[in-house]
PDB file of N, CA and C in Angstrom:
ATOM      1  N   PRO A   1      67.288  -4.946   8.309  1.00  0.00           N
ATOM      2  CA  PRO A   1      66.814  -3.642   8.771  1.00  0.00           C
ATOM      3  C   PRO A   1      65.373  -3.739   9.296  1.00  0.00           C
ATOM      4  N   THR A   2      65.132  -3.041  10.367  1.00  0.00           N
ATOM      5  CA  THR A   2      63.794  -3.033  10.955  1.00  0.00           C
ATOM      6  C   THR A   2      63.091  -1.734  10.592  1.00  0.00           C
ATOM      7  N   ILE A   3      61.836  -1.665  10.950  1.00  0.00           N
ATOM      8  CA  ILE A   3      61.074  -0.435  10.704  1.00  0.00           C
ATOM      9  C   ILE A   3      61.703   0.725  11.477  1.00  0.00           C
ATOM     10  N   ALA A   4      62.162   0.429  12.701  1.00  0.00           N
ATOM     11  CA  ALA A   4      62.799   1.474  13.511  1.00  0.00           C
ATOM     12  C   ALA A   4      64.044   2.024  12.818  1.00  0.00           C
ATOM     13  N   ASP A   5      64.817   1.160  12.180  1.00  0.00           N
ATOM     14  CA  ASP A   5      66.003   1.608  11.443  1.00  0.00           C
ATOM     15  C   ASP A   5      65.612   2.543  10.302  1.00  0.00           C
ATOM     16  N   ALA A   6      64.554   2.195   9.595  1.00  0.00           N
ATOM     17  CA  ALA A   6      64.098   3.019   8.476  1.00  0.00           C
ATOM     18  C   ALA A   6      63.615   4.383   8.969  1.00  0.00           C
ATOM     19  N   ILE A   7      62.882   4.386  10.067  1.00  0.00           N
ATOM     20  CA  ILE A   7      62.388   5.651  10.625  1.00  0.00           C
ATOM     21  C   ILE A   7      63.559   6.524  11.065  1.00  0.00           C
ATOM     22  N   LEU A   8      64.504   5.925  11.768  1.00  0.00           N
ATOM     23  CA  LEU A   8      65.669   6.670  12.237  1.00  0.00           C
ATOM     24  C   LEU A   8      66.471   7.219  11.061  1.00  0.00           C
ATOM     25  N   ASP A   9      66.623   6.426  10.018  1.00  0.00           N
ATOM     26  CA  ASP A   9      67.356   6.862   8.836  1.00  0.00           C
ATOM     27  C   ASP A   9      66.706   8.091   8.214  1.00  0.00           C
ATOM     28  N   ARG A  10      65.387   8.099   8.146  1.00  0.00           N
ATOM     29  CA  ARG A  10      64.686   9.253   7.571  1.00  0.00           C
ATOM     30  C   ARG A  10      64.805  10.488   8.453  1.00  0.00           C
ATOM     31  N   LEU A  11      64.806  10.283   9.758  1.00  0.00           N
ATOM     32  CA  LEU A  11      64.905  11.414  10.684  1.00  0.00           C
ATOM     33  C   LEU A  11      66.277  12.081  10.637  1.00  0.00           C
ATOM     34  N   VAL A  12      67.322  11.277  10.572  1.00  0.00           N
ATOM     35  CA  VAL A  12      68.674  11.842  10.638  1.00  0.00           C
ATOM     36  C   VAL A  12      69.301  12.093   9.269  1.00  0.00           C
ATOM     37  N   HIS A  13      68.597  11.761   8.217  1.00  0.00           N
ATOM     38  CA  HIS A  13      69.136  11.924   6.867  1.00  0.00           C
ATOM     39  C   HIS A  13      69.574  13.366   6.600  1.00  0.00           C
ATOM     40  N   SER A  14      68.755  14.326   6.986  1.00  0.00           N
ATOM     41  CA  SER A  14      69.089  15.727   6.703  1.00  0.00           C
ATOM     42  C   SER A  14      69.451  16.493   7.979  1.00  0.00           C
ATOM     43  N   SER A  15      69.914  15.772   8.969  1.00  0.00           N
ATOM     44  CA  SER A  15      70.242  16.419  10.244  1.00  0.00           C
ATOM     45  C   SER A  15      71.655  16.994  10.223  1.00  0.00           C
ATOM     46  N   HIS A  16      71.942  17.809  11.209  1.00  0.00           N
ATOM     47  CA  HIS A  16      73.267  18.386  11.383  1.00  0.00           C
ATOM     48  C   HIS A  16      73.812  17.929  12.724  1.00  0.00           C
ATOM     49  N   ARG A  17      75.090  17.669  12.767  1.00  0.00           N
ATOM     50  CA  ARG A  17      75.727  17.235  14.016  1.00  0.00           C
ATOM     51  C   ARG A  17      76.341  18.452  14.705  1.00  0.00           C
ATOM     52  N   ILE A  18      76.068  18.567  15.984  1.00  0.00           N
ATOM     53  CA  ILE A  18      76.621  19.655  16.785  1.00  0.00           C
ATOM     54  C   ILE A  18      77.473  19.034  17.875  1.00  0.00           C
ATOM     55  N   GLU A  19      78.734  19.413  17.922  1.00  0.00           N
ATOM     56  CA  GLU A  19      79.620  18.893  18.963  1.00  0.00           C
ATOM     57  C   GLU A  19      79.742  19.929  20.065  1.00  0.00           C
ATOM     58  N   LEU A  20      79.450  19.499  21.266  1.00  0.00           N
ATOM     59  CA  LEU A  20      79.523  20.385  22.419  1.00  0.00           C
ATOM     60  C   LEU A  20      80.760  20.061  23.229  1.00  0.00           C
ATOM     61  N   GLU A  21      81.342  21.082  23.817  1.00  0.00           N
ATOM     62  CA  GLU A  21      82.518  20.895  24.657  1.00  0.00           C
ATOM     63  C   GLU A  21      82.217  21.416  26.055  1.00  0.00           C
ATOM     64  N   GLY A  22      82.996  20.955  26.995  1.00  0.00           N
ATOM     65  CA  GLY A  22      82.839  21.435  28.358  1.00  0.00           C
ATOM     66  C   GLY A  22      82.055  20.460  29.213  1.00  0.00           C
ATOM     67  N   GLU A  23      81.950  20.839  30.474  1.00  0.00           N
ATOM     68  CA  GLU A  23      81.267  19.992  31.446  1.00  0.00           C
ATOM     69  C   GLU A  23      79.757  20.025  31.205  1.00  0.00           C
ATOM     70  N   SER A  24      79.097  18.930  31.501  1.00  0.00           N
ATOM     71  CA  SER A  24      77.657  18.876  31.291  1.00  0.00           C
ATOM     72  C   SER A  24      76.940  19.777  32.287  1.00  0.00           C
ATOM     73  N   MET A  25      75.782  20.279  31.909  1.00  0.00           N
ATOM     74  CA  MET A  25      75.010  21.151  32.794  1.00  0.00           C
ATOM     75  C   MET A  25      74.547  20.388  34.029  1.00  0.00           C
ATOM     76  N   ARG A  26      74.254  19.116  33.883  1.00  0.00           N
ATOM     77  CA  ARG A  26      73.844  18.312  35.037  1.00  0.00           C
ATOM     78  C   ARG A  26      74.954  18.265  36.078  1.00  0.00           C
ATOM     79  N   LYS A  27      76.182  18.050  35.611  1.00  0.00           N
ATOM     80  CA  LYS A  27      77.318  18.008  36.537  1.00  0.00           C
ATOM     81  C   LYS A  27      77.533  19.365  37.198  1.00  0.00           C
ATOM     82  N   LYS A  28      77.422  20.424  36.400  1.00  0.00           N
ATOM     83  CA  LYS A  28      77.650  21.769  36.918  1.00  0.00           C
ATOM     84  C   LYS A  28      76.680  22.106  38.041  1.00  0.00           C
ATOM     85  N   HIS A  29      75.429  21.720  37.870  1.00  0.00           N
ATOM     86  CA  HIS A  29      74.393  22.122  38.819  1.00  0.00           C
ATOM     87  C   HIS A  29      74.105  21.077  39.890  1.00  0.00           C
ATOM     88  N   LYS A  30      74.813  19.973  39.860  1.00  0.00           N
ATOM     89  CA  LYS A  30      74.579  18.907  40.833  1.00  0.00           C
ATOM     90  C   LYS A  30      74.837  19.389  42.256  1.00  0.00           C
ATOM     91  N   ASN A  31      75.954  20.084  42.468  1.00  0.00           N
ATOM     92  CA  ASN A  31      76.279  20.576  43.804  1.00  0.00           C
ATOM     93  C   ASN A  31      75.241  21.575  44.299  1.00  0.00           C
ATOM     94  N   ASN A  32      74.759  22.442  43.410  1.00  0.00           N
ATOM     95  CA  ASN A  32      73.726  23.399  43.801  1.00  0.00           C
ATOM     96  C   ASN A  32      72.459  22.679  44.232  1.00  0.00           C
ATOM     97  N   LEU A  33      72.104  21.628  43.536  1.00  0.00           N
ATOM     98  CA  LEU A  33      70.908  20.864  43.874  1.00  0.00           C
ATOM     99  C   LEU A  33      71.063  20.193  45.233  1.00  0.00           C
ATOM    100  N   ILE A  34      72.226  19.638  45.490  1.00  0.00           N
ATOM    101  CA  ILE A  34      72.483  18.984  46.777  1.00  0.00           C
ATOM    102  C   ILE A  34      72.386  20.005  47.910  1.00  0.00           C
ATOM    103  N   LEU A  35      73.002  21.175  47.732  1.00  0.00           N
ATOM    104  CA  LEU A  35      72.941  22.217  48.758  1.00  0.00           C
ATOM    105  C   LEU A  35      71.507  22.683  48.988  1.00  0.00           C
ATOM    106  N   TYR A  36      70.736  22.800  47.917  1.00  0.00           N
ATOM    107  CA  TYR A  36      69.335  23.213  48.029  1.00  0.00           C
ATOM    108  C   TYR A  36      68.533  22.182  48.819  1.00  0.00           C
ATOM    109  N   GLU A  37      68.759  20.903  48.533  1.00  0.00           N
ATOM    110  CA  GLU A  37      68.049  19.844  49.252  1.00  0.00           C
ATOM    111  C   GLU A  37      68.395  19.861  50.735  1.00  0.00           C
ATOM    112  N   ILE A  38      69.665  20.067  51.063  1.00  0.00           N
ATOM    113  CA  ILE A  38      70.081  20.146  52.472  1.00  0.00           C
ATOM    114  C   ILE A  38      69.403  21.335  53.146  1.00  0.00           C
ATOM    115  N   PHE A  39      69.400  22.474  52.475  1.00  0.00           N
ATOM    116  CA  PHE A  39      68.762  23.675  53.015  1.00  0.00           C
ATOM    117  C   PHE A  39      67.283  23.432  53.288  1.00  0.00           C
ATOM    118  N   MET A  40      66.587  22.819  52.332  1.00  0.00           N
ATOM    119  CA  MET A  40      65.149  22.580  52.488  1.00  0.00           C
ATOM    120  C   MET A  40      64.870  21.591  53.620  1.00  0.00           C
ATOM    121  N   ARG A  41      65.702  20.586  53.764  1.00  0.00           N
ATOM    122  CA  ARG A  41      65.511  19.617  54.850  1.00  0.00           C
ATOM    123  C   ARG A  41      65.714  20.275  56.211  1.00  0.00           C
ATOM    124  N   LYS A  42      66.755  21.112  56.314  1.00  0.00           N
ATOM    125  CA  LYS A  42      67.000  21.821  57.571  1.00  0.00           C
ATOM    126  C   LYS A  42      65.837  22.753  57.889  1.00  0.00           C
ATOM    127  N   ARG A  43      65.340  23.412  56.870  1.00  0.00           N
ATOM    128  CA  ARG A  43      64.203  24.328  57.040  1.00  0.00           C
ATOM    129  C   ARG A  43      62.972  23.568  57.530  1.00  0.00           C
ATOM    130  N   GLU A  44      62.733  22.412  56.937  1.00  0.00           N
ATOM    131  CA  GLU A  44      61.584  21.586  57.328  1.00  0.00           C
ATOM    132  C   GLU A  44      61.748  21.089  58.766  1.00  0.00           C
ATOM    133  N   MET A  45      62.955  20.686  59.128  1.00  0.00           N
ATOM    134  CA  MET A  45      63.206  20.218  60.496  1.00  0.00           C
ATOM    135  C   MET A  45      62.981  21.347  61.505  1.00  0.00           C
ATOM    136  N   LYS A  46      63.368  22.561  61.127  1.00  0.00           N
ATOM    137  CA  LYS A  46      63.164  23.721  61.989  1.00  0.00           C
ATOM    138  C   LYS A  46      61.670  23.961  62.218  1.00  0.00           C
ATOM    139  N   LYS A  47      60.875  23.843  61.148  1.00  0.00           N
ATOM    140  CA  LYS A  47      59.424  24.027  61.249  1.00  0.00           C
ATOM    141  C   LYS A  47      58.813  22.992  62.184  1.00  0.00           C
ATOM    142  N   LEU A  48      59.269  21.750  62.068  1.00  0.00           N
ATOM    143  CA  LEU A  48      58.711  20.666  62.881  1.00  0.00           C
ATOM    144  C   LEU A  48      59.086  20.797  64.354  1.00  0.00           C
ATOM    145  N   SER A  49      60.276  21.339  64.626  1.00  0.00           N
ATOM    146  CA  SER A  49      60.730  21.435  66.018  1.00  0.00           C
ATOM    147  C   SER A  49      60.158  22.665  66.727  1.00  0.00           C
ATOM    148  N   GLY A  50      59.577  23.551  65.998  1.00  0.00           N
ATOM    149  CA  GLY A  50      58.912  24.685  66.632  1.00  0.00           C
ATOM    150  C   GLY A  50      59.617  25.922  66.354  1.00  0.00           C
TER     151      GLY A  50
END
């Protein structure tokens, strides 16, 4: 056992486990982020072209 193992053991000794179900928030919002980036790039290109 290392010092890191001992520290981790003390941290999780009195912890509670929470199980989450469903799709991750990162996955859910990935498409929105991509659309936002496309929108911002188009907006920037419009500004540059006049």
